[in-house]
Amino acid sequence: MPLRPARLTLLCLALTGSAFAGTTIDLAAEASRPAANDRARATVFAEVTGTAPGDAAKRVNALVADAIATAKGYPQVKAQTAGTHTYPVHAKGGRIESWRIRSEIALESGDMAALSELVGKLQTTLGVSGIALFPSPETRQKADREATLDAIAAFRARAQLAADALGKPYRIKHLSLGSHGQRPPMPILRAAPMAAMEAAPMPMEAGESQVTASVSGQIELAD
């Protein structure tokens, strides 16, 4: 007697499974949501060429130290050194005639106005090699959640459309989720230092990035 419920359960499962032993269809859908570019990252650099690497390094280090000191006046901006590189400059015939030393500082902040003002000040002695605008992790996650729900709804709508067209019920066999962000292209700058009287905030237009979620999977139609 105790075995009968188990046998009945297995029989029900077998019958349920056999109802969906029909045609399978692969489907995919995606959806996008905008995410505000509420953070910015700028890279500034000091570059000096000299006949002696030691002298060039001292000049570069002094420029970097002054820039870090200036950045400390902007607590909203995270500043950190991002690497130093030394390159030999060759004359004709292959002889090294001088040395070029380049040191970079990475600046990042969610306060666009503060970062823009700081970069403008640093441009009096440093160059700007690049600027990137992007969503913060929290902003991106919110857009990703919304886009994922939209993509799942789109997948279900396509599945229902296919099932209705064929006049059969369906079930979802499996799903795969994915997402990626698309940032608007930003020009890579290599601006030379400006004269002190020309210092001005660096223009920054935040805009938006598109966060796209994708859903792919397979449905099975009943016979």
Protein backbone atom coordinates (compact mmCIF):
# COMPACT_ATOMS: atom_id res chain seq x y z
CA MET A 1 0.00 0.00 0.00
CA PRO A 2 2.66 2.64 0.81
CA LEU A 3 4.10 2.23 -2.72
CA ARG A 4 0.92 3.22 -4.57
CA PRO A 5 1.26 7.03 -4.13
CA ALA A 6 4.81 6.85 -5.44
CA ARG A 7 3.72 4.81 -8.49
CA LEU A 8 0.90 7.22 -9.18
CA THR A 9 3.31 10.16 -8.95
CA LEU A 10 5.74 8.54 -11.38
CA LEU A 11 2.92 7.75 -13.78
CA CYS A 12 1.73 11.37 -13.69
CA LEU A 13 5.24 12.61 -14.33
CA ALA A 14 5.65 10.26 -17.25
CA LEU A 15 2.36 11.37 -18.79
CA THR A 16 3.21 15.02 -18.26
CA GLY A 17 6.62 14.58 -19.87
CA SER A 18 5.23 12.72 -22.87
CA ALA A 19 2.80 15.56 -23.62
CA PHE A 20 5.77 17.78 -24.47
CA ALA A 21 7.88 15.39 -26.50
CA GLY A 22 7.35 17.37 -29.68
CA THR A 23 8.97 20.04 -31.82
CA THR A 24 11.59 22.31 -30.24
CA ILE A 25 12.16 25.92 -31.30
CA ASP A 26 15.18 28.09 -30.52
CA LEU A 27 14.32 31.69 -29.73
CA ALA A 28 16.17 34.85 -28.72
CA ALA A 29 15.13 38.31 -27.64
CA GLU A 30 16.79 41.42 -26.27
CA ALA A 31 15.86 44.75 -24.75
CA SER A 32 17.71 47.94 -23.86
CA ARG A 33 17.32 50.56 -21.18
CA PRO A 34 19.18 53.89 -20.91
CA ALA A 35 21.58 54.40 -18.00
CA ALA A 36 22.76 57.90 -17.16
CA ASN A 37 26.50 58.46 -17.42
CA ASP A 38 26.81 59.69 -13.86
CA ARG A 39 30.55 59.06 -13.47
CA ALA A 40 33.56 60.27 -15.43
CA ARG A 41 37.20 59.26 -15.67
CA ALA A 42 39.96 61.46 -17.06
CA THR A 43 43.62 60.64 -17.60
CA VAL A 44 46.14 63.47 -17.51
CA PHE A 45 49.85 63.17 -18.11
CA ALA A 46 53.19 64.89 -17.62
CA GLU A 47 55.75 64.33 -20.34
CA VAL A 48 59.32 65.61 -20.38
CA THR A 49 62.23 65.00 -22.74
CA GLY A 50 65.80 65.48 -21.52
CA THR A 51 69.32 64.39 -22.32
CA ALA A 52 69.69 62.73 -18.91
CA PRO A 53 66.91 60.39 -17.68
CA GLY A 54 67.48 61.45 -14.07
CA ASP A 55 66.87 65.12 -14.80
CA ALA A 56 63.79 64.35 -16.91
CA ALA A 57 62.43 62.16 -14.12
CA LYS A 58 62.84 64.95 -11.56
CA ARG A 59 60.91 67.37 -13.74
CA VAL A 60 58.13 64.84 -14.34
CA ASN A 61 57.93 63.95 -10.65
CA ALA A 62 57.64 67.63 -9.74
CA LEU A 63 54.77 68.13 -12.19
CA VAL A 64 52.97 65.05 -10.88
CA ALA A 65 53.46 66.09 -7.24
CA ASP A 66 52.00 69.55 -7.98
CA ALA A 67 49.04 67.96 -9.77
CA ILE A 68 48.31 65.58 -6.89
CA ALA A 69 48.48 68.50 -4.46
CA THR A 70 45.99 70.42 -6.61
CA ALA A 71 43.69 67.37 -6.79
CA LYS A 72 43.60 67.16 -2.99
CA GLY A 73 41.64 70.39 -3.05
CA TYR A 74 38.83 68.43 -4.72
CA PRO A 75 37.78 65.71 -2.27
CA GLN A 76 34.96 64.70 -4.64
CA VAL A 77 37.56 63.47 -7.12
CA LYS A 78 39.57 60.29 -6.65
CA ALA A 79 43.12 60.78 -7.94
CA GLN A 80 45.88 58.18 -8.28
CA THR A 81 49.04 57.77 -10.29
CA ALA A 82 48.53 55.46 -13.25
CA GLY A 83 52.05 54.53 -14.32
CA THR A 84 55.32 56.01 -15.55
CA HIS A 85 57.08 55.07 -18.78
CA THR A 86 60.55 55.91 -20.06
CA TYR A 87 61.38 55.90 -23.76
CA PRO A 88 64.74 56.42 -25.47
CA VAL A 89 64.77 58.93 -28.32
CA HIS A 90 67.14 57.77 -31.04
CA ALA A 91 69.10 59.97 -33.40
CA LYS A 92 70.06 58.96 -36.90
CA GLY A 93 72.31 55.94 -36.77
CA GLY A 94 70.56 54.49 -33.73
CA ARG A 95 72.36 56.46 -31.05
CA ILE A 96 70.23 57.52 -28.06
CA GLU A 97 70.20 61.30 -28.00
CA SER A 98 67.61 61.91 -25.26
CA TRP A 99 65.03 60.34 -22.99
CA ARG A 100 61.29 60.91 -22.85
CA ILE A 101 59.51 60.21 -19.57
CA ARG A 102 55.74 60.16 -19.28
CA SER A 103 53.73 59.78 -16.08
CA GLU A 104 49.93 59.55 -15.90
CA ILE A 105 47.34 60.40 -13.26
CA ALA A 106 43.84 58.87 -13.30
CA LEU A 107 40.99 61.04 -12.03
CA GLU A 108 37.49 59.71 -11.36
CA SER A 109 34.37 61.28 -9.89
CA GLY A 110 30.60 61.37 -9.91
CA ASP A 111 30.76 65.16 -9.61
CA MET A 112 31.15 66.26 -13.22
CA ALA A 113 31.53 69.92 -12.36
CA ALA A 114 34.34 69.30 -9.89
CA LEU A 115 36.19 66.98 -12.26
CA SER A 116 35.76 69.41 -15.14
CA GLU A 117 37.16 72.27 -13.08
CA LEU A 118 40.09 70.21 -11.82
CA VAL A 119 41.05 69.01 -15.30
CA GLY A 120 40.90 72.60 -16.53
CA LYS A 121 43.35 73.66 -13.83
CA LEU A 122 45.70 70.74 -14.46
CA GLN A 123 45.80 71.52 -18.18
CA THR A 124 48.01 74.51 -17.43
CA THR A 125 50.91 72.09 -16.88
CA LEU A 126 49.65 68.66 -17.98
CA GLY A 127 48.13 67.15 -21.08
CA VAL A 128 44.86 65.17 -21.28
CA SER A 129 45.10 61.75 -22.90
CA GLY A 130 41.52 60.58 -22.52
CA ILE A 131 38.08 61.09 -21.01
CA ALA A 132 35.42 58.42 -20.48
CA LEU A 133 31.85 58.85 -19.26
CA PHE A 134 29.97 55.84 -17.91
CA PRO A 135 27.19 54.76 -15.52
CA SER A 136 28.02 54.05 -11.90
CA PRO A 137 27.62 50.39 -10.82
CA GLU A 138 24.33 51.19 -9.08
CA THR A 139 22.91 53.00 -12.10
CA ARG A 140 24.02 50.25 -14.45
CA GLN A 141 22.56 47.49 -12.25
CA LYS A 142 19.17 49.22 -12.14
CA ALA A 143 19.08 49.56 -15.92
CA ASP A 144 20.26 45.96 -16.32
CA ARG A 145 17.46 44.64 -14.08
CA GLU A 146 14.85 46.56 -16.04
CA ALA A 147 16.27 45.50 -19.40
CA THR A 148 16.38 41.85 -18.28
CA LEU A 149 12.69 41.90 -17.33
CA ASP A 150 11.87 43.48 -20.69
CA ALA A 151 13.92 40.86 -22.54
CA ILE A 152 12.23 37.98 -20.70
CA ALA A 153 8.82 39.45 -21.51
CA ALA A 154 9.85 39.77 -25.16
CA PHE A 155 11.03 36.14 -25.18
CA ARG A 156 7.74 34.94 -23.73
CA ALA A 157 5.80 36.99 -26.28
CA ARG A 158 7.77 35.41 -29.15
CA ALA A 159 7.27 31.96 -27.68
CA GLN A 160 3.53 32.53 -27.38
CA LEU A 161 3.39 33.87 -30.92
CA ALA A 162 5.08 30.75 -32.29
CA ALA A 163 2.89 28.44 -30.23
CA ASP A 164 -0.31 30.23 -31.27
CA ALA A 165 0.71 30.14 -34.94
CA LEU A 166 1.17 26.38 -34.73
CA GLY A 167 -1.88 25.86 -32.52
CA LYS A 168 0.00 24.04 -29.79
CA PRO A 169 0.81 24.69 -26.13
CA TYR A 170 4.44 25.14 -25.21
CA ARG A 171 6.84 24.98 -22.32
CA ILE A 172 10.24 26.60 -21.86
CA LYS A 173 13.03 24.03 -21.80
CA HIS A 174 15.88 26.37 -20.87
CA LEU A 175 16.93 30.02 -20.83
CA SER A 176 20.25 31.86 -20.94
CA LEU A 177 20.58 35.47 -19.80
CA GLY A 178 23.23 37.98 -20.76
CA SER A 179 23.82 41.71 -20.76
CA HIS A 180 26.25 44.31 -22.02
CA GLY A 181 26.59 48.06 -22.02
CA GLN A 182 27.17 50.37 -24.93
CA ARG A 183 29.03 53.60 -24.22
CA PRO A 184 28.90 56.49 -26.63
CA PRO A 185 32.24 56.94 -28.42
CA MET A 186 34.49 59.53 -26.77
CA PRO A 187 37.41 61.15 -28.60
CA ILE A 188 40.86 60.31 -27.26
CA LEU A 189 42.58 63.58 -26.54
CA ARG A 190 46.25 64.33 -26.54
CA ALA A 191 46.08 67.96 -25.58
CA ALA A 192 49.25 69.87 -24.84
CA PRO A 193 49.47 71.94 -21.64
CA MET A 194 47.87 75.38 -21.96
CA ALA A 195 49.07 78.74 -20.73
CA ALA A 196 47.82 79.66 -17.26
CA MET A 197 45.56 82.40 -18.61
CA GLU A 198 43.80 79.86 -20.83
CA ALA A 199 42.81 77.51 -18.00
CA ALA A 200 39.09 76.74 -18.13
CA PRO A 201 36.83 73.86 -17.08
CA MET A 202 36.96 70.89 -19.44
CA PRO A 203 33.58 70.59 -21.23
CA MET A 204 31.79 67.34 -20.34
CA GLU A 205 28.38 66.29 -21.65
CA ALA A 206 27.27 63.28 -19.60
CA GLY A 207 24.56 61.78 -21.82
CA GLU A 208 23.48 58.16 -21.50
CA SER A 209 24.72 54.66 -22.20
CA GLN A 210 22.50 51.86 -23.42
CA VAL A 211 22.45 48.72 -21.27
CA THR A 212 21.21 45.74 -23.28
CA ALA A 213 19.97 42.44 -21.85
CA SER A 214 19.60 39.36 -24.01
CA VAL A 215 17.64 36.15 -23.52
CA SER A 216 18.08 33.01 -25.56
CA GLY A 217 16.57 29.62 -25.04
CA GLN A 218 14.47 26.82 -26.35
CA ILE A 219 10.79 26.05 -26.16
CA GLU A 220 9.11 22.72 -26.79
CA LEU A 221 5.70 22.33 -28.40
CA ALA A 222 3.30 19.58 -27.43
CA ASP A 223 2.48 16.96 -30.05
